[in-house]
Protein backbone atom coordinates (compact mmCIF):
# COMPACT_ATOMS: atom_id res chain seq x y z
CA MET A 1 0.03 -0.19 0.28
CA SER A 2 1.42 3.20 -0.80
CA ALA A 3 0.73 6.64 0.84
CA HIS A 4 -1.44 7.98 -1.61
CA ASP A 5 -4.01 4.80 -1.17
CA VAL A 6 -4.26 6.06 2.57
CA PRO A 7 -6.73 8.80 3.94
CA VAL A 8 -5.32 11.60 5.44
CA PRO A 9 -7.10 13.13 7.97
CA ALA A 10 -7.23 16.92 6.58
CA PRO A 11 -7.40 19.82 9.04
CA ALA A 12 -10.85 21.58 8.49
CA SER A 13 -10.92 25.47 8.27
CA ALA A 14 -13.85 25.42 10.28
CA PRO A 15 -16.26 23.60 12.04
CA VAL A 16 -18.07 21.00 10.09
CA SER A 17 -22.25 21.53 10.84
CA ALA A 18 -24.08 19.06 12.58
CA PRO A 19 -27.70 18.40 13.50
CA ALA A 20 -28.48 20.45 16.32
CA SER A 21 -29.18 17.48 18.55
CA ASP A 22 -25.27 16.34 17.69
CA GLN A 23 -23.67 20.00 17.50
CA ALA A 24 -19.67 19.35 16.86
CA PRO A 25 -17.75 21.49 18.79
CA ALA A 26 -15.58 24.17 17.15
CA VAL A 27 -12.17 23.16 16.62
CA ARG A 28 -9.79 25.16 18.49
CA PRO A 29 -7.06 26.84 16.38
CA GLN A 30 -4.38 24.76 18.38
CA ALA A 31 -5.87 21.54 17.46
CA LEU A 32 -6.12 22.52 13.76
CA ALA A 33 -1.98 23.47 14.10
CA THR A 34 -1.38 19.98 15.77
CA LEU A 35 -3.32 18.48 12.65
CA ARG A 36 -1.59 20.65 9.91
CA ALA A 37 2.36 19.38 11.76
CA TYR A 38 0.83 15.58 12.07
CA ARG A 39 -0.27 15.86 7.91
CA ALA A 40 3.41 17.46 7.14
CA ASP A 41 5.18 15.03 9.49
CA TRP A 42 3.43 11.87 7.32
CA THR A 43 4.63 13.19 4.07
CA HIS A 44 7.85 13.81 5.15
CA PHE A 45 7.84 9.76 6.83
CA ALA A 46 5.90 8.66 3.31
CA ALA A 47 8.72 10.79 0.70
CA TRP A 48 11.49 9.17 3.14
CA CYS A 49 9.64 5.55 2.19
CA GLU A 50 9.60 5.96 -0.95
CA ARG A 51 13.36 7.25 -1.30
CA HIS A 52 14.22 3.81 0.51
CA ASP A 53 11.62 1.52 -1.37
CA VAL A 54 9.33 0.61 1.89
CA ARG A 55 6.17 1.08 2.45
CA PRO A 56 4.89 3.74 4.71
CA VAL A 57 1.56 1.61 6.28
CA PRO A 58 1.74 -0.58 7.86
CA ALA A 59 5.08 0.61 8.67
CA ALA A 60 7.61 -2.68 9.42
CA PRO A 61 8.90 -1.23 13.50
CA ALA A 62 12.31 -2.04 10.94
CA ASP A 63 11.65 1.11 8.97
CA VAL A 64 10.16 2.86 11.32
CA ALA A 65 13.24 2.61 13.46
CA ALA A 66 15.43 3.57 10.31
CA TYR A 67 13.39 6.38 9.36
CA LEU A 68 13.96 7.62 13.41
CA ARG A 69 17.56 7.05 12.89
CA SER A 70 17.55 9.41 10.42
CA LEU A 71 16.01 12.55 12.32
CA ARG A 72 19.05 12.78 14.35
CA GLU A 73 19.79 16.98 13.14
CA TYR A 74 16.05 17.79 14.51
CA ALA A 75 14.96 18.38 17.64
CA PRO A 76 13.56 16.34 20.07
CA ALA A 77 10.01 17.55 20.42
CA THR A 78 10.13 17.18 16.47
CA ILE A 79 11.10 13.64 16.63
CA ARG A 80 8.58 12.84 19.12
CA ARG A 81 5.84 14.51 17.28
CA ARG A 82 6.70 12.53 13.46
CA LEU A 83 6.62 9.34 15.54
CA ALA A 84 2.96 10.37 16.67
CA ALA A 85 2.46 10.83 13.42
CA ILE A 86 2.73 7.67 12.06
CA GLY A 87 1.05 6.26 15.27
CA LYS A 88 -1.97 8.07 14.62
CA MET A 89 -2.30 7.14 10.43
CA HIS A 90 -2.25 3.63 11.18
CA ARG A 91 -4.87 3.96 13.75
CA PHE A 92 -6.97 6.11 11.77
CA ASN A 93 -6.78 3.52 9.38
CA ASN A 94 -7.41 0.93 11.76
CA LEU A 95 -4.09 -0.97 10.86
CA PRO A 96 -1.97 -2.44 13.71
CA TRP A 97 0.45 -0.20 15.46
CA LYS A 98 2.50 -1.24 18.41
CA VAL A 99 4.76 2.03 19.22
CA SER A 100 6.39 0.10 22.48
CA ASP A 101 8.09 -2.45 19.80
CA PRO A 102 11.47 -2.64 21.02
CA VAL A 103 12.79 -2.06 18.24
CA ILE A 104 11.06 1.53 17.62
CA ARG A 105 11.96 2.35 20.81
CA ALA A 106 15.70 1.42 20.96
CA ALA A 107 15.72 3.68 17.76
CA LEU A 108 13.66 6.54 19.13
CA HIS A 109 16.31 6.67 22.50
CA ASP A 110 18.70 6.95 20.13
CA ALA A 111 17.68 9.63 17.79
CA LEU A 112 16.88 11.65 20.77
CA LYS A 113 20.26 11.13 22.63
CA ALA A 114 21.73 12.00 18.95
CA ALA A 115 19.56 15.29 18.93
CA GLU A 116 20.60 16.28 22.49
CA PRO A 117 22.63 19.56 22.45
CA PRO A 118 26.51 19.18 23.38
CA VAL A 119 26.96 19.68 26.53
CA ALA A 120 28.59 22.96 26.56
CA ALA A 121 32.45 23.63 28.50
CA GLU A 122 32.34 25.33 31.66
CA PRO A 123 32.86 28.53 31.29
CA GLU A 124 36.57 30.26 31.41
CA ILE A 125 37.12 32.19 34.84
CA LEU A 126 39.47 35.02 34.94
CA THR A 127 41.29 34.83 38.10
CA ALA A 128 42.27 38.13 40.11
CA ALA A 129 45.38 36.69 40.12
CA GLN A 130 45.28 37.40 36.05
CA LEU A 131 43.06 40.18 36.50
CA ARG A 132 46.30 41.97 38.15
CA ILE A 133 48.59 40.81 35.87
CA MET A 134 46.48 42.51 32.74
CA VAL A 135 46.08 45.32 34.68
CA GLU A 136 49.94 45.48 35.47
CA ARG A 137 50.23 45.35 31.62
CA CYS A 138 47.96 48.26 30.78
CA ASP A 139 49.93 51.22 29.78
CA ALA A 140 49.28 54.90 30.37
CA SER A 141 47.85 55.23 26.65
CA ALA A 142 44.78 56.26 25.97
CA ARG A 143 43.69 52.50 24.94
CA GLY A 144 45.65 51.17 28.05
CA LEU A 145 43.66 53.11 30.45
CA ARG A 146 40.33 52.36 28.55
CA ASP A 147 41.13 48.86 29.25
CA ARG A 148 42.69 49.34 32.58
CA CYS A 149 39.29 50.79 33.91
CA LEU A 150 37.12 48.26 31.92
CA LEU A 151 38.67 45.17 33.15
CA ILE A 152 38.61 46.61 36.32
CA PHE A 153 35.10 47.87 36.45
CA GLY A 154 33.88 44.21 34.75
CA PHE A 155 35.45 42.14 37.67
CA ALA A 156 35.12 44.80 40.82
CA GLY A 157 31.08 45.37 39.39
CA ALA A 158 30.27 41.83 38.72
CA LEU A 159 28.98 43.30 35.43
CA ARG A 160 27.71 41.46 32.66
CA ARG A 161 29.03 42.64 28.73
CA SER A 162 25.46 44.24 27.84
CA GLU A 163 26.25 45.96 31.32
CA LEU A 164 29.67 47.38 30.15
CA VAL A 165 28.76 48.76 27.24
CA GLY A 166 25.90 50.36 27.88
CA LEU A 167 27.84 52.51 30.84
CA MET A 168 27.36 56.29 30.50
CA VAL A 169 29.87 58.58 32.03
CA GLU A 170 27.12 60.10 33.81
CA ASP A 171 26.13 56.74 35.23
CA VAL A 172 29.25 56.78 37.27
CA GLU A 173 29.44 58.00 40.60
CA VAL A 174 32.71 58.50 42.64
CA THR A 175 31.54 59.26 46.26
CA HIS A 176 34.51 59.04 49.20
CA ASP A 177 34.81 55.32 49.67
CA ALA A 178 33.41 53.92 46.39
CA VAL A 179 32.63 53.81 43.35
CA LEU A 180 28.73 53.86 42.56
CA LEU A 181 27.09 52.42 39.12
CA HIS A 182 23.66 53.10 37.86
CA LEU A 183 23.00 50.41 35.68
CA HIS A 184 19.45 50.84 33.56
CA HIS A 185 17.70 48.01 32.49
CA GLY A 186 14.74 49.50 30.14
CA ASP A 187 11.27 50.42 32.08
CA ALA A 188 13.22 53.12 33.86
CA GLU A 189 14.69 49.90 36.03
CA GLU A 190 17.50 50.87 37.71
CA GLU A 191 20.19 48.99 39.87
CA ALA A 192 23.19 50.41 41.27
CA VAL A 193 26.24 48.52 42.06
CA SER A 194 28.56 49.74 45.00
CA MET A 195 32.65 49.18 43.90
CA PRO A 196 34.18 50.19 47.39
CA GLN A 197 37.20 52.31 46.32
CA ARG A 198 40.92 50.38 47.15
CA PRO A 199 43.65 52.96 48.80
CA ASP A 200 45.66 49.83 49.76
CA ASP A 201 45.85 48.91 46.20
CA PRO A 202 46.28 51.69 43.94
CA LEU A 203 46.44 49.46 41.12
CA LEU A 204 43.00 47.84 41.16
CA CYS A 205 41.62 50.90 42.12
CA PRO A 206 38.11 51.40 40.32
CA ALA A 207 38.24 55.29 41.17
CA ARG A 208 41.63 55.70 40.50
CA ALA A 209 41.15 53.69 36.99
CA PHE A 210 37.86 55.83 36.09
CA SER A 211 40.07 59.50 37.07
CA ALA A 212 42.71 57.94 35.01
CA TRP A 213 40.90 57.24 32.03
CA GLN A 214 38.33 60.59 31.51
CA LYS A 215 41.73 61.98 32.07
CA VAL A 216 42.20 61.16 28.32
CA ALA A 217 38.60 60.67 27.07
CA HIS A 218 37.35 64.54 27.98
CA ARG A 219 33.84 63.28 27.88
CA GLN A 220 31.57 64.04 31.03
CA THR A 221 28.28 62.41 29.46
CA GLY A 222 27.84 59.66 26.59
CA PRO A 223 28.84 56.08 26.56
CA LEU A 224 32.04 55.51 29.22
CA PHE A 225 34.01 52.94 26.61
CA ARG A 226 34.37 53.77 23.55
CA PRO A 227 36.61 52.24 20.62
CA ILE A 228 40.22 53.94 20.17
CA SER A 229 41.44 55.12 17.22
CA LYS A 230 45.03 54.44 15.82
CA GLY A 231 45.82 57.92 16.77
CA GLY A 232 44.82 57.02 20.29
CA ARG A 233 41.37 59.36 20.41
CA ALA A 234 38.72 57.95 21.42
CA GLY A 235 35.54 57.98 19.66
CA GLY A 236 31.82 58.80 19.99
CA ARG A 237 30.04 55.20 20.14
CA ALA A 238 30.10 52.97 23.08
CA LEU A 239 32.14 49.50 22.21
CA THR A 240 29.78 46.69 20.65
CA PRO A 241 29.65 43.51 23.40
CA PHE A 242 32.05 41.73 20.79
CA ALA A 243 34.57 44.09 20.78
CA VAL A 244 34.57 43.47 24.88
CA ASN A 245 35.74 39.84 24.15
CA ARG A 246 37.94 41.37 21.54
CA ILE A 247 40.11 43.43 24.34
CA LEU A 248 39.56 40.63 27.20
CA GLN A 249 41.30 38.37 24.87
CA ARG A 250 44.24 41.01 24.20
CA ARG A 251 44.68 41.63 27.08
CA ALA A 252 45.31 37.86 28.29
CA ALA A 253 47.67 37.48 25.68
CA LEU A 254 49.75 40.02 26.59
CA ALA A 255 49.61 39.33 30.26
CA ASP A 256 51.41 35.93 28.63
CA ILE A 257 48.29 33.79 29.78
CA ASP A 258 48.00 30.07 28.03
CA ALA A 259 46.51 30.36 24.52
CA ALA A 260 44.22 27.78 25.58
CA CYS A 261 42.68 29.71 28.33
CA VAL A 262 42.54 32.92 26.07
CA ALA A 263 40.20 31.36 23.29
CA ARG A 264 38.04 30.51 25.79
CA LEU A 265 37.87 33.82 26.95
CA SER A 266 34.58 36.31 26.75
CA ALA A 267 33.62 39.24 28.75
CA HIS A 268 31.90 36.74 31.56
CA ALA A 269 34.78 35.89 32.77
CA LEU A 270 35.23 39.03 34.39
CA ARG A 271 32.22 38.56 36.18
CA ALA A 272 32.31 34.63 36.94
CA GLY A 273 35.93 35.76 38.34
CA TYR A 274 34.48 38.21 40.91
CA ILE A 275 32.05 35.38 42.28
CA ILE A 276 35.11 32.77 42.23
CA ASP A 277 37.07 35.04 44.17
CA ALA A 278 34.66 36.19 46.71
CA LEU A 279 33.23 33.16 47.39
CA THR A 280 37.04 31.77 47.66
CA ARG A 281 37.52 34.79 50.24
CA GLY A 282 34.40 33.60 52.42
CA VAL A 283 31.75 36.21 51.32
CA ASP A 284 28.76 34.84 51.94
CA ALA A 285 26.86 33.44 48.83
CA GLN A 286 23.63 35.82 49.38
CA GLU A 287 25.74 39.11 49.95
CA ILE A 288 27.46 38.11 46.44
CA ARG A 289 24.24 37.46 44.62
CA ARG A 290 22.83 41.15 46.02
CA HIS A 291 26.07 42.14 44.25
CA THR A 292 25.74 40.35 41.19
CA ARG A 293 22.03 40.68 40.61
CA HIS A 294 21.64 37.11 40.43
CA ARG A 295 17.20 37.28 40.72
CA ASP A 296 17.27 33.53 40.97
CA PRO A 297 19.37 31.67 43.54
CA ARG A 298 20.28 28.72 41.70
CA GLY A 299 22.52 31.13 39.48
CA MET A 300 24.93 30.79 42.07
CA MET A 301 25.21 26.80 42.88
CA ALA A 302 27.37 26.25 39.79
CA TYR A 303 30.13 28.56 41.28
CA VAL A 304 29.39 27.00 44.72
CA ARG A 305 30.43 23.84 43.04
CA ILE A 306 33.76 25.12 40.97
CA SER A 307 34.97 27.18 44.00
CA ALA A 308 34.50 23.92 46.13
CA SER A 309 36.28 21.75 43.93
């Protein structure tokens, strides 16, 4: 039997009228969408069967298994739905179907496992010691002063990449003992991040880094971190998020950090580095979470595990 010999339930565009005593319920849009998806899935299976010269109905378990294993490039939800479509077509035509067949179940397991995205490698974490070396090697040029301020702010403020590039000069407030960053997240929502001044460690003091950068940036408003021209002049627009990654990797390479580590560095390494350093120093996880603005406490668990290993 070919796929063309099999009655296929077509999705209706409107509910079919019925006698008043037996009025059919209206078909919901979600149900219509599901029917259309099943129809497309059945067409896909039938086309596969035609290419492999096997019959789609009644389908042999071995053929269904081979089809499922061919779907490894698809999402798990798509694989499950296509198997369901095959079963629905068999039941619609009163044909035998056993989804629990061991051959089909084994193939489904293999297909779903292959379709799962690979586990991402643990993100690289910039340590406090690495940060110090990178900052030490930032010279007194405009580029060096900008990068020094960016590195210190990103680490001490546990800033996200978007927060770094979104900072405006007017968002930075220097007090007698701290540098306050006023972060804006749309809809007038604002968060304040406090970075203590470090008079005992001028190299990593955020206030000193900001002051030094401002002396060459010559801006009282607008983006804080901006591109530097070949002539050493700061541009007018903000850095792009991708530029932050490039700056971090360049500074890590200049600090003679292992090349494999450099290649994996992203702006998140600064934020992660702050969290791990604070946990290692015994700072309470709740206090760290307030500083990092983690809304979900579970977001800290991975760092707690890393610091404990």
